[in-house]
PDB file of all heavy atoms in Angstrom:
ATOM      1  N   GLU A   1     -18.562 -24.508  51.720  1.00  0.00           N
ATOM      2  CA  GLU A   1     -19.003 -25.825  51.256  1.00  0.00           C
ATOM      3  C   GLU A   1     -19.132 -26.899  52.329  1.00  0.00           C
ATOM      4  O   GLU A   1     -19.862 -27.859  52.159  1.00  0.00           O
ATOM      5  CB  GLU A   1     -18.079 -26.324  50.151  1.00  0.00           C
ATOM      6  CG  GLU A   1     -16.649 -26.541  50.595  1.00  0.00           C
ATOM      7  CD  GLU A   1     -15.768 -27.043  49.467  1.00  0.00           C
ATOM      8  OE1 GLU A   1     -15.685 -28.274  49.295  1.00  0.00           O
ATOM      9  OE2 GLU A   1     -15.190 -26.208  48.776  1.00  0.00           O
ATOM     10  N   HIS A   2     -18.420 -26.794  53.436  1.00  0.00           N
ATOM     11  CA  HIS A   2     -18.381 -27.902  54.397  1.00  0.00           C
ATOM     12  C   HIS A   2     -19.570 -27.882  55.361  1.00  0.00           C
ATOM     13  O   HIS A   2     -20.036 -26.839  55.766  1.00  0.00           O
ATOM     14  CB  HIS A   2     -17.090 -27.845  55.216  1.00  0.00           C
ATOM     15  CG  HIS A   2     -15.863 -27.920  54.368  1.00  0.00           C
ATOM     16  ND1 HIS A   2     -15.528 -29.034  53.634  1.00  0.00           N
ATOM     17  CD2 HIS A   2     -14.901 -27.004  54.124  1.00  0.00           C
ATOM     18  CE1 HIS A   2     -14.413 -28.811  52.980  1.00  0.00           C
ATOM     19  NE2 HIS A   2     -14.006 -27.576  53.252  1.00  0.00           N
ATOM     20  N   ALA A   3     -20.008 -29.078  55.728  1.00  0.00           N
ATOM     21  CA  ALA A   3     -21.021 -29.235  56.769  1.00  0.00           C
ATOM     22  C   ALA A   3     -20.313 -29.243  58.123  1.00  0.00           C
ATOM     23  O   ALA A   3     -19.094 -29.404  58.193  1.00  0.00           O
ATOM     24  CB  ALA A   3     -21.789 -30.537  56.556  1.00  0.00           C
ATOM     25  N   GLY A   4     -21.073 -29.070  59.178  1.00  0.00           N
ATOM     26  CA  GLY A   4     -20.492 -29.094  60.517  1.00  0.00           C
ATOM     27  C   GLY A   4     -21.543 -29.425  61.556  1.00  0.00           C
ATOM     28  O   GLY A   4     -22.723 -29.602  61.241  1.00  0.00           O
ATOM     29  N   LEU A   5     -21.105 -29.482  62.793  1.00  0.00           N
ATOM     30  CA  LEU A   5     -21.977 -29.781  63.922  1.00  0.00           C
ATOM     31  C   LEU A   5     -21.828 -28.674  64.947  1.00  0.00           C
ATOM     32  O   LEU A   5     -20.708 -28.309  65.319  1.00  0.00           O
ATOM     33  CB  LEU A   5     -21.592 -31.121  64.564  1.00  0.00           C
ATOM     34  CG  LEU A   5     -22.342 -31.518  65.833  1.00  0.00           C
ATOM     35  CD1 LEU A   5     -23.821 -31.769  65.538  1.00  0.00           C
ATOM     36  CD2 LEU A   5     -21.705 -32.750  66.466  1.00  0.00           C
ATOM     37  N   ILE A   6     -22.946 -28.137  65.408  1.00  0.00           N
ATOM     38  CA  ILE A   6     -22.962 -27.140  66.476  1.00  0.00           C
ATOM     39  C   ILE A   6     -23.821 -27.712  67.593  1.00  0.00           C
ATOM     40  O   ILE A   6     -24.900 -28.251  67.345  1.00  0.00           O
ATOM     41  CB  ILE A   6     -23.524 -25.796  65.991  1.00  0.00           C
ATOM     42  CG1 ILE A   6     -22.729 -25.286  64.788  1.00  0.00           C
ATOM     43  CG2 ILE A   6     -23.505 -24.771  67.116  1.00  0.00           C
ATOM     44  CD1 ILE A   6     -23.326 -24.067  64.107  1.00  0.00           C
ATOM     45  N   VAL A   7     -23.330 -27.595  68.815  1.00  0.00           N
ATOM     46  CA  VAL A   7     -24.046 -28.125  69.974  1.00  0.00           C
ATOM     47  C   VAL A   7     -24.139 -27.018  71.014  1.00  0.00           C
ATOM     48  O   VAL A   7     -23.146 -26.332  71.286  1.00  0.00           O
ATOM     49  CB  VAL A   7     -23.308 -29.355  70.565  1.00  0.00           C
ATOM     50  CG1 VAL A   7     -24.029 -29.886  71.788  1.00  0.00           C
ATOM     51  CG2 VAL A   7     -23.165 -30.445  69.515  1.00  0.00           C
ATOM     52  N   SER A   8     -25.311 -26.841  71.593  1.00  0.00           N
ATOM     53  CA  SER A   8     -25.444 -25.853  72.663  1.00  0.00           C
ATOM     54  C   SER A   8     -24.726 -26.362  73.909  1.00  0.00           C
ATOM     55  O   SER A   8     -24.632 -27.579  74.135  1.00  0.00           O
ATOM     56  CB  SER A   8     -26.919 -25.570  72.958  1.00  0.00           C
ATOM     57  OG  SER A   8     -27.561 -26.724  73.429  1.00  0.00           O
ATOM     58  N   GLY A   9     -24.202 -25.439  74.682  1.00  0.00           N
ATOM     59  CA  GLY A   9     -23.413 -25.801  75.864  1.00  0.00           C
ATOM     60  C   GLY A   9     -24.122 -26.724  76.827  1.00  0.00           C
ATOM     61  O   GLY A   9     -23.527 -27.676  77.350  1.00  0.00           O
ATOM     62  N   GLU A  10     -25.407 -26.489  77.044  1.00  0.00           N
ATOM     63  CA  GLU A  10     -26.136 -27.318  78.011  1.00  0.00           C
ATOM     64  C   GLU A  10     -26.404 -28.722  77.480  1.00  0.00           C
ATOM     65  O   GLU A  10     -26.687 -29.629  78.246  1.00  0.00           O
ATOM     66  CB  GLU A  10     -27.450 -26.645  78.438  1.00  0.00           C
ATOM     67  CG  GLU A  10     -28.517 -26.566  77.367  1.00  0.00           C
ATOM     68  CD  GLU A  10     -28.335 -25.430  76.363  1.00  0.00           C
ATOM     69  OE1 GLU A  10     -27.502 -24.536  76.587  1.00  0.00           O
ATOM     70  OE2 GLU A  10     -29.026 -25.463  75.335  1.00  0.00           O
ATOM     71  N   ALA A  11     -26.304 -28.920  76.177  1.00  0.00           N
ATOM     72  CA  ALA A  11     -26.554 -30.237  75.590  1.00  0.00           C
ATOM     73  C   ALA A  11     -25.277 -31.040  75.372  1.00  0.00           C
ATOM     74  O   ALA A  11     -25.336 -32.253  75.157  1.00  0.00           O
ATOM     75  CB  ALA A  11     -27.292 -30.083  74.265  1.00  0.00           C
ATOM     76  N   ALA A  12     -24.111 -30.399  75.457  1.00  0.00           N
ATOM     77  CA  ALA A  12     -22.839 -31.033  75.069  1.00  0.00           C
ATOM     78  C   ALA A  12     -22.558 -32.334  75.822  1.00  0.00           C
ATOM     79  O   ALA A  12     -22.094 -33.302  75.232  1.00  0.00           O
ATOM     80  CB  ALA A  12     -21.690 -30.053  75.263  1.00  0.00           C
ATOM     81  N   ARG A  13     -22.854 -32.370  77.108  1.00  0.00           N
ATOM     82  CA  ARG A  13     -22.509 -33.574  77.879  1.00  0.00           C
ATOM     83  C   ARG A  13     -23.356 -34.794  77.512  1.00  0.00           C
ATOM     84  O   ARG A  13     -23.031 -35.918  77.870  1.00  0.00           O
ATOM     85  CB  ARG A  13     -22.582 -33.297  79.375  1.00  0.00           C
ATOM     86  CG  ARG A  13     -23.967 -33.004  79.873  1.00  0.00           C
ATOM     87  CD  ARG A  13     -23.943 -32.676  81.344  1.00  0.00           C
ATOM     88  NE  ARG A  13     -25.282 -32.384  81.808  1.00  0.00           N
ATOM     89  CZ  ARG A  13     -25.633 -32.384  83.046  1.00  0.00           C
ATOM     90  NH1 ARG A  13     -24.749 -32.669  83.971  1.00  0.00           N
ATOM     91  NH2 ARG A  13     -26.860 -32.103  83.386  1.00  0.00           N
ATOM     92  N   TYR A  14     -24.436 -34.572  76.779  1.00  0.00           N
ATOM     93  CA  TYR A  14     -25.311 -35.676  76.400  1.00  0.00           C
ATOM     94  C   TYR A  14     -25.044 -36.205  74.987  1.00  0.00           C
ATOM     95  O   TYR A  14     -25.612 -37.224  74.595  1.00  0.00           O
ATOM     96  CB  TYR A  14     -26.777 -35.236  76.490  1.00  0.00           C
ATOM     97  CG  TYR A  14     -27.160 -34.791  77.874  1.00  0.00           C
ATOM     98  CD1 TYR A  14     -27.315 -33.443  78.165  1.00  0.00           C
ATOM     99  CD2 TYR A  14     -27.337 -35.715  78.903  1.00  0.00           C
ATOM    100  CE1 TYR A  14     -27.654 -33.020  79.437  1.00  0.00           C
ATOM    101  CE2 TYR A  14     -27.678 -35.303  80.180  1.00  0.00           C
ATOM    102  CZ  TYR A  14     -27.831 -33.941  80.442  1.00  0.00           C
ATOM    103  OH  TYR A  14     -28.161 -33.528  81.706  1.00  0.00           O
ATOM    104  N   VAL A  15     -24.212 -35.488  74.227  1.00  0.00           N
ATOM    105  CA  VAL A  15     -23.941 -35.899  72.847  1.00  0.00           C
ATOM    106  C   VAL A  15     -22.927 -37.036  72.855  1.00  0.00           C
ATOM    107  O   VAL A  15     -21.878 -36.935  73.493  1.00  0.00           O
ATOM    108  CB  VAL A  15     -23.431 -34.707  72.005  1.00  0.00           C
ATOM    109  CG1 VAL A  15     -23.041 -35.147  70.606  1.00  0.00           C
ATOM    110  CG2 VAL A  15     -24.492 -33.610  71.949  1.00  0.00           C
ATOM    111  N   THR A  16     -23.235 -38.106  72.147  1.00  0.00           N
ATOM    112  CA  THR A  16     -22.343 -39.268  72.124  1.00  0.00           C
ATOM    113  C   THR A  16     -21.635 -39.434  70.784  1.00  0.00           C
ATOM    114  O   THR A  16     -20.602 -40.081  70.717  1.00  0.00           O
ATOM    115  CB  THR A  16     -23.118 -40.562  72.451  1.00  0.00           C
ATOM    116  OG1 THR A  16     -24.190 -40.701  71.517  1.00  0.00           O
ATOM    117  CG2 THR A  16     -23.660 -40.508  73.869  1.00  0.00           C
ATOM    118  N   GLU A  17     -22.195 -38.881  69.719  1.00  0.00           N
ATOM    119  CA  GLU A  17     -21.574 -38.993  68.397  1.00  0.00           C
ATOM    120  C   GLU A  17     -21.222 -37.603  67.889  1.00  0.00           C
ATOM    121  O   GLU A  17     -22.105 -36.772  67.686  1.00  0.00           O
ATOM    122  CB  GLU A  17     -22.518 -39.686  67.422  1.00  0.00           C
ATOM    123  CG  GLU A  17     -22.756 -41.148  67.770  1.00  0.00           C
ATOM    124  CD  GLU A  17     -23.613 -41.833  66.721  1.00  0.00           C
ATOM    125  OE1 GLU A  17     -23.469 -41.507  65.530  1.00  0.00           O
ATOM    126  OE2 GLU A  17     -24.419 -42.687  67.117  1.00  0.00           O
ATOM    127  N   TRP A  18     -19.927 -37.380  67.690  1.00  0.00           N
ATOM    128  CA  TRP A  18     -19.429 -36.078  67.237  1.00  0.00           C
ATOM    129  C   TRP A  18     -18.854 -36.201  65.832  1.00  0.00           C
ATOM    130  O   TRP A  18     -18.079 -37.102  65.565  1.00  0.00           O
ATOM    131  CB  TRP A  18     -18.330 -35.583  68.176  1.00  0.00           C
ATOM    132  CG  TRP A  18     -18.814 -35.282  69.553  1.00  0.00           C
ATOM    133  CD1 TRP A  18     -18.931 -36.158  70.586  1.00  0.00           C
ATOM    134  CD2 TRP A  18     -19.261 -34.021  70.041  1.00  0.00           C
ATOM    135  NE1 TRP A  18     -19.422 -35.519  71.702  1.00  0.00           N
ATOM    136  CE2 TRP A  18     -19.626 -34.197  71.390  1.00  0.00           C
ATOM    137  CE3 TRP A  18     -19.382 -32.748  69.472  1.00  0.00           C
ATOM    138  CZ2 TRP A  18     -20.095 -33.160  72.188  1.00  0.00           C
ATOM    139  CZ3 TRP A  18     -19.851 -31.716  70.272  1.00  0.00           C
ATOM    140  CH2 TRP A  18     -20.210 -31.928  71.607  1.00  0.00           C
ATOM    141  N   THR A  19     -19.260 -35.323  64.951  1.00  0.00           N
ATOM    142  CA  THR A  19     -18.624 -35.205  63.643  1.00  0.00           C
ATOM    143  C   THR A  19     -17.777 -33.935  63.673  1.00  0.00           C
ATOM    144  O   THR A  19     -17.973 -33.066  64.504  1.00  0.00           O
ATOM    145  CB  THR A  19     -19.668 -35.117  62.512  1.00  0.00           C
ATOM    146  OG1 THR A  19     -20.520 -33.993  62.758  1.00  0.00           O
ATOM    147  CG2 THR A  19     -20.499 -36.390  62.434  1.00  0.00           C
ATOM    148  N   ARG A  20     -16.809 -33.845  62.791  1.00  0.00           N
ATOM    149  CA  ARG A  20     -15.937 -32.670  62.747  1.00  0.00           C
ATOM    150  C   ARG A  20     -16.133 -31.944  61.426  1.00  0.00           C
ATOM    151  O   ARG A  20     -16.399 -32.597  60.434  1.00  0.00           O
ATOM    152  CB  ARG A  20     -14.463 -33.054  62.898  1.00  0.00           C
ATOM    153  CG  ARG A  20     -14.102 -33.936  64.078  1.00  0.00           C
ATOM    154  CD  ARG A  20     -14.292 -33.244  65.403  1.00  0.00           C
ATOM    155  NE  ARG A  20     -13.789 -33.999  66.544  1.00  0.00           N
ATOM    156  CZ  ARG A  20     -14.313 -35.079  67.072  1.00  0.00           C
ATOM    157  NH1 ARG A  20     -15.365 -35.615  66.555  1.00  0.00           N
ATOM    158  NH2 ARG A  20     -13.799 -35.647  68.142  1.00  0.00           N
ATOM    159  N   PRO A  21     -15.970 -30.656  61.408  1.00  0.00           N
ATOM    160  CA  PRO A  21     -15.693 -29.778  62.530  1.00  0.00           C
ATOM    161  C   PRO A  21     -16.925 -29.641  63.412  1.00  0.00           C
ATOM    162  O   PRO A  21     -18.051 -29.761  62.958  1.00  0.00           O
ATOM    163  CB  PRO A  21     -15.323 -28.454  61.873  1.00  0.00           C
ATOM    164  CG  PRO A  21     -15.994 -28.473  60.549  1.00  0.00           C
ATOM    165  CD  PRO A  21     -16.064 -29.915  60.142  1.00  0.00           C
ATOM    166  N   ALA A  22     -16.654 -29.391  64.686  1.00  0.00           N
ATOM    167  CA  ALA A  22     -17.736 -29.264  65.661  1.00  0.00           C
ATOM    168  C   ALA A  22     -17.463 -28.105  66.602  1.00  0.00           C
ATOM    169  O   ALA A  22     -16.313 -27.808  66.927  1.00  0.00           O
ATOM    170  CB  ALA A  22     -17.896 -30.562  66.452  1.00  0.00           C
ATOM    171  N   LEU A  23     -18.550 -27.471  67.035  1.00  0.00           N
ATOM    172  CA  LEU A  23     -18.485 -26.325  67.935  1.00  0.00           C
ATOM    173  C   LEU A  23     -19.510 -26.498  69.042  1.00  0.00           C
ATOM    174  O   LEU A  23     -20.659 -26.855  68.782  1.00  0.00           O
ATOM    175  CB  LEU A  23     -18.806 -25.034  67.157  1.00  0.00           C
ATOM    176  CG  LEU A  23     -18.947 -23.756  67.979  1.00  0.00           C
ATOM    177  CD1 LEU A  23     -17.590 -23.320  68.529  1.00  0.00           C
ATOM    178  CD2 LEU A  23     -19.580 -22.644  67.146  1.00  0.00           C
ATOM    179  N   VAL A  24     -19.081 -26.225  70.271  1.00  0.00           N
ATOM    180  CA  VAL A  24     -20.002 -26.115  71.394  1.00  0.00           C
ATOM    181  C   VAL A  24     -20.080 -24.632  71.716  1.00  0.00           C
ATOM    182  O   VAL A  24     -19.054 -23.977  71.906  1.00  0.00           O
ATOM    183  CB  VAL A  24     -19.525 -26.919  72.623  1.00  0.00           C
ATOM    184  CG1 VAL A  24     -20.414 -26.646  73.828  1.00  0.00           C
ATOM    185  CG2 VAL A  24     -19.515 -28.405  72.291  1.00  0.00           C
ATOM    186  N   VAL A  25     -21.285 -24.096  71.738  1.00  0.00           N
ATOM    187  CA  VAL A  25     -21.475 -22.658  71.898  1.00  0.00           C
ATOM    188  C   VAL A  25     -22.392 -22.393  73.087  1.00  0.00           C
ATOM    189  O   VAL A  25     -23.331 -23.135  73.338  1.00  0.00           O
ATOM    190  CB  VAL A  25     -22.048 -22.052  70.591  1.00  0.00           C
ATOM    191  CG1 VAL A  25     -23.410 -22.597  70.266  1.00  0.00           C
ATOM    192  CG2 VAL A  25     -22.075 -20.547  70.647  1.00  0.00           C
ATOM    193  N   GLY A  26     -22.078 -21.324  73.846  1.00  0.00           N
ATOM    194  CA  GLY A  26     -22.918 -21.025  74.994  1.00  0.00           C
ATOM    195  C   GLY A  26     -22.600 -19.707  75.656  1.00  0.00           C
ATOM    196  O   GLY A  26     -21.746 -18.941  75.202  1.00  0.00           O
ATOM    197  N   TRP A  27     -23.284 -19.466  76.764  1.00  0.00           N
ATOM    198  CA  TRP A  27     -23.118 -18.272  77.571  1.00  0.00           C
ATOM    199  C   TRP A  27     -23.356 -18.680  79.025  1.00  0.00           C
ATOM    200  O   TRP A  27     -24.338 -19.371  79.315  1.00  0.00           O
ATOM    201  CB  TRP A  27     -24.122 -17.197  77.159  1.00  0.00           C
ATOM    202  CG  TRP A  27     -24.068 -15.933  77.949  1.00  0.00           C
ATOM    203  CD1 TRP A  27     -23.002 -15.092  78.083  1.00  0.00           C
ATOM    204  CD2 TRP A  27     -25.133 -15.344  78.696  1.00  0.00           C
ATOM    205  NE1 TRP A  27     -23.338 -14.019  78.867  1.00  0.00           N
ATOM    206  CE2 TRP A  27     -24.646 -14.144  79.265  1.00  0.00           C
ATOM    207  CE3 TRP A  27     -26.455 -15.709  78.958  1.00  0.00           C
ATOM    208  CZ2 TRP A  27     -25.416 -13.311  80.066  1.00  0.00           C
ATOM    209  CZ3 TRP A  27     -27.225 -14.876  79.752  1.00  0.00           C
ATOM    210  CH2 TRP A  27     -26.709 -13.694  80.290  1.00  0.00           C
ATOM    211  N   GLN A  28     -22.458 -18.295  79.882  1.00  0.00           N
ATOM    212  CA  GLN A  28     -22.558 -18.622  81.311  1.00  0.00           C
ATOM    213  C   GLN A  28     -22.844 -20.107  81.523  1.00  0.00           C
ATOM    214  O   GLN A  28     -23.866 -20.498  82.084  1.00  0.00           O
ATOM    215  CB  GLN A  28     -23.630 -17.771  81.981  1.00  0.00           C
ATOM    216  CG  GLN A  28     -23.305 -16.294  81.966  1.00  0.00           C
ATOM    217  CD  GLN A  28     -24.332 -15.472  82.720  1.00  0.00           C
ATOM    218  OE1 GLN A  28     -25.465 -15.880  82.932  1.00  0.00           O
ATOM    219  NE2 GLN A  28     -23.917 -14.290  83.138  1.00  0.00           N
ATOM    220  N   LEU A  29     -21.915 -20.932  81.084  1.00  0.00           N
ATOM    221  CA  LEU A  29     -22.120 -22.378  81.140  1.00  0.00           C
ATOM    222  C   LEU A  29     -21.956 -22.970  82.531  1.00  0.00           C
ATOM    223  O   LEU A  29     -22.355 -24.090  82.767  1.00  0.00           O
ATOM    224  CB  LEU A  29     -21.147 -23.080  80.187  1.00  0.00           C
ATOM    225  CG  LEU A  29     -21.337 -22.813  78.708  1.00  0.00           C
ATOM    226  CD1 LEU A  29     -20.294 -23.561  77.903  1.00  0.00           C
ATOM    227  CD2 LEU A  29     -22.731 -23.199  78.267  1.00  0.00           C
ATOM    228  N   GLY A  30     -21.351 -22.245  83.438  1.00  0.00           N
ATOM    229  CA  GLY A  30     -21.044 -22.832  84.737  1.00  0.00           C
ATOM    230  C   GLY A  30     -19.794 -23.676  84.589  1.00  0.00           C
ATOM    231  O   GLY A  30     -18.714 -23.167  84.359  1.00  0.00           O
ATOM    232  N   ALA A  31     -19.935 -24.979  84.637  1.00  0.00           N
ATOM    233  CA  ALA A  31     -18.794 -25.877  84.455  1.00  0.00           C
ATOM    234  C   ALA A  31     -18.478 -26.022  82.967  1.00  0.00           C
ATOM    235  O   ALA A  31     -19.371 -26.101  82.139  1.00  0.00           O
ATOM    236  CB  ALA A  31     -19.110 -27.240  85.058  1.00  0.00           C
ATOM    237  N   THR A  32     -17.196 -26.054  82.657  1.00  0.00           N
ATOM    238  CA  THR A  32     -16.769 -26.262  81.279  1.00  0.00           C
ATOM    239  C   THR A  32     -16.967 -27.730  80.918  1.00  0.00           C
ATOM    240  O   THR A  32     -16.461 -28.607  81.613  1.00  0.00           O
ATOM    241  CB  THR A  32     -15.287 -25.879  81.102  1.00  0.00           C
ATOM    242  OG1 THR A  32     -15.125 -24.515  81.500  1.00  0.00           O
ATOM    243  CG2 THR A  32     -14.838 -26.045  79.663  1.00  0.00           C
ATOM    244  N   PRO A  33     -17.713 -27.995  79.831  1.00  0.00           N
ATOM    245  CA  PRO A  33     -17.935 -29.404  79.466  1.00  0.00           C
ATOM    246  C   PRO A  33     -16.641 -30.062  78.979  1.00  0.00           C
ATOM    247  O   PRO A  33     -15.787 -29.415  78.395  1.00  0.00           O
ATOM    248  CB  PRO A  33     -18.963 -29.315  78.345  1.00  0.00           C
ATOM    249  CG  PRO A  33     -18.863 -27.932  77.808  1.00  0.00           C
ATOM    250  CD  PRO A  33     -18.358 -27.069  78.920  1.00  0.00           C
ATOM    251  N   THR A  34     -16.506 -31.353  79.262  1.00  0.00           N
ATOM    252  CA  THR A  34     -15.385 -32.127  78.731  1.00  0.00           C
ATOM    253  C   THR A  34     -15.746 -32.500  77.301  1.00  0.00           C
ATOM    254  O   THR A  34     -16.784 -33.107  77.058  1.00  0.00           O
ATOM    255  CB  THR A  34     -15.160 -33.395  79.574  1.00  0.00           C
ATOM    256  OG1 THR A  34     -14.928 -33.005  80.924  1.00  0.00           O
ATOM    257  CG2 THR A  34     -13.983 -34.191  79.055  1.00  0.00           C
ATOM    258  N   LEU A  35     -14.869 -32.117  76.366  1.00  0.00           N
ATOM    259  CA  LEU A  35     -15.168 -32.321  74.950  1.00  0.00           C
ATOM    260  C   LEU A  35     -14.154 -33.233  74.300  1.00  0.00           C
ATOM    261  O   LEU A  35     -12.985 -33.248  74.686  1.00  0.00           O
ATOM    262  CB  LEU A  35     -15.167 -30.971  74.223  1.00  0.00           C
ATOM    263  CG  LEU A  35     -16.151 -29.926  74.759  1.00  0.00           C
ATOM    264  CD1 LEU A  35     -15.952 -28.606  74.048  1.00  0.00           C
ATOM    265  CD2 LEU A  35     -17.576 -30.418  74.604  1.00  0.00           C
ATOM    266  N   PRO A  36     -14.577 -33.973  73.288  1.00  0.00           N
ATOM    267  CA  PRO A  36     -13.636 -34.802  72.535  1.00  0.00           C
ATOM    268  C   PRO A  36     -12.586 -33.926  71.841  1.00  0.00           C
ATOM    269  O   PRO A  36     -12.821 -32.747  71.579  1.00  0.00           O
ATOM    270  CB  PRO A  36     -14.511 -35.513  71.507  1.00  0.00           C
ATOM    271  CG  PRO A  36     -15.909 -35.356  71.981  1.00  0.00           C
ATOM    272  CD  PRO A  36     -15.947 -34.118  72.798  1.00  0.00           C
ATOM    273  N   GLU A  37     -11.465 -34.526  71.527  1.00  0.00           N
ATOM    274  CA  GLU A  37     -10.403 -33.807  70.829  1.00  0.00           C
ATOM    275  C   GLU A  37     -10.926 -33.260  69.506  1.00  0.00           C
ATOM    276  O   GLU A  37     -11.671 -33.919  68.788  1.00  0.00           O
ATOM    277  CB  GLU A  37      -9.227 -34.748  70.567  1.00  0.00           C
ATOM    278  CG  GLU A  37      -8.028 -34.032  69.999  1.00  0.00           C
ATOM    279  CD  GLU A  37      -6.830 -34.955  69.889  1.00  0.00           C
ATOM    280  OE1 GLU A  37      -6.691 -35.866  70.729  1.00  0.00           O
ATOM    281  OE2 GLU A  37      -6.056 -34.755  68.952  1.00  0.00           O
ATOM    282  N   GLY A  38     -10.555 -32.018  69.213  1.00  0.00           N
ATOM    283  CA  GLY A  38     -10.937 -31.389  67.960  1.00  0.00           C
ATOM    284  C   GLY A  38     -12.272 -30.673  67.990  1.00  0.00           C
ATOM    285  O   GLY A  38     -12.652 -30.048  67.013  1.00  0.00           O
ATOM    286  N   VAL A  39     -12.993 -30.745  69.104  1.00  0.00           N
ATOM    287  CA  VAL A  39     -14.257 -30.027  69.235  1.00  0.00           C
ATOM    288  C   VAL A  39     -13.961 -28.700  69.915  1.00  0.00           C
ATOM    289  O   VAL A  39     -13.356 -28.664  70.987  1.00  0.00           O
ATOM    290  CB  VAL A  39     -15.292 -30.832  70.052  1.00  0.00           C
ATOM    291  CG1 VAL A  39     -16.554 -30.011  70.286  1.00  0.00           C
ATOM    292  CG2 VAL A  39     -15.618 -32.135  69.344  1.00  0.00           C
ATOM    293  N   GLU A  40     -14.357 -27.599  69.288  1.00  0.00           N
ATOM    294  CA  GLU A  40     -14.087 -26.271  69.828  1.00  0.00           C
ATOM    295  C   GLU A  40     -15.182 -25.833  70.793  1.00  0.00           C
ATOM    296  O   GLU A  40     -16.347 -26.197  70.631  1.00  0.00           O
ATOM    297  CB  GLU A  40     -13.989 -25.246  68.698  1.00  0.00           C
ATOM    298  CG  GLU A  40     -12.751 -25.404  67.859  1.00  0.00           C
ATOM    299  CD  GLU A  40     -12.624 -24.294  66.823  1.00  0.00           C
ATOM    300  OE1 GLU A  40     -12.955 -23.132  67.115  1.00  0.00           O
ATOM    301  OE2 GLU A  40     -12.188 -24.630  65.712  1.00  0.00           O
ATOM    302  N   LEU A  41     -14.785 -25.022  71.759  1.00  0.00           N
ATOM    303  CA  LEU A  41     -15.713 -24.421  72.710  1.00  0.00           C
ATOM    304  C   LEU A  41     -15.663 -22.913  72.518  1.00  0.00           C
ATOM    305  O   LEU A  41     -14.578 -22.321  72.518  1.00  0.00           O
ATOM    306  CB  LEU A  41     -15.323 -24.780  74.146  1.00  0.00           C
ATOM    307  CG  LEU A  41     -16.134 -24.122  75.258  1.00  0.00           C
ATOM    308  CD1 LEU A  41     -17.590 -24.579  75.220  1.00  0.00           C
ATOM    309  CD2 LEU A  41     -15.511 -24.421  76.615  1.00  0.00           C
TER     310      LEU A  41
END
């Protein structure tokens, strides 16, 4: 039933508004993005 937010790894650093639950998903990201508390990688 719940809605959520998914962000691709390369886009994560540009997202300014995060809703929860949230997931950043990727492959071979290079540097690990800094994420707000409660956002999963």
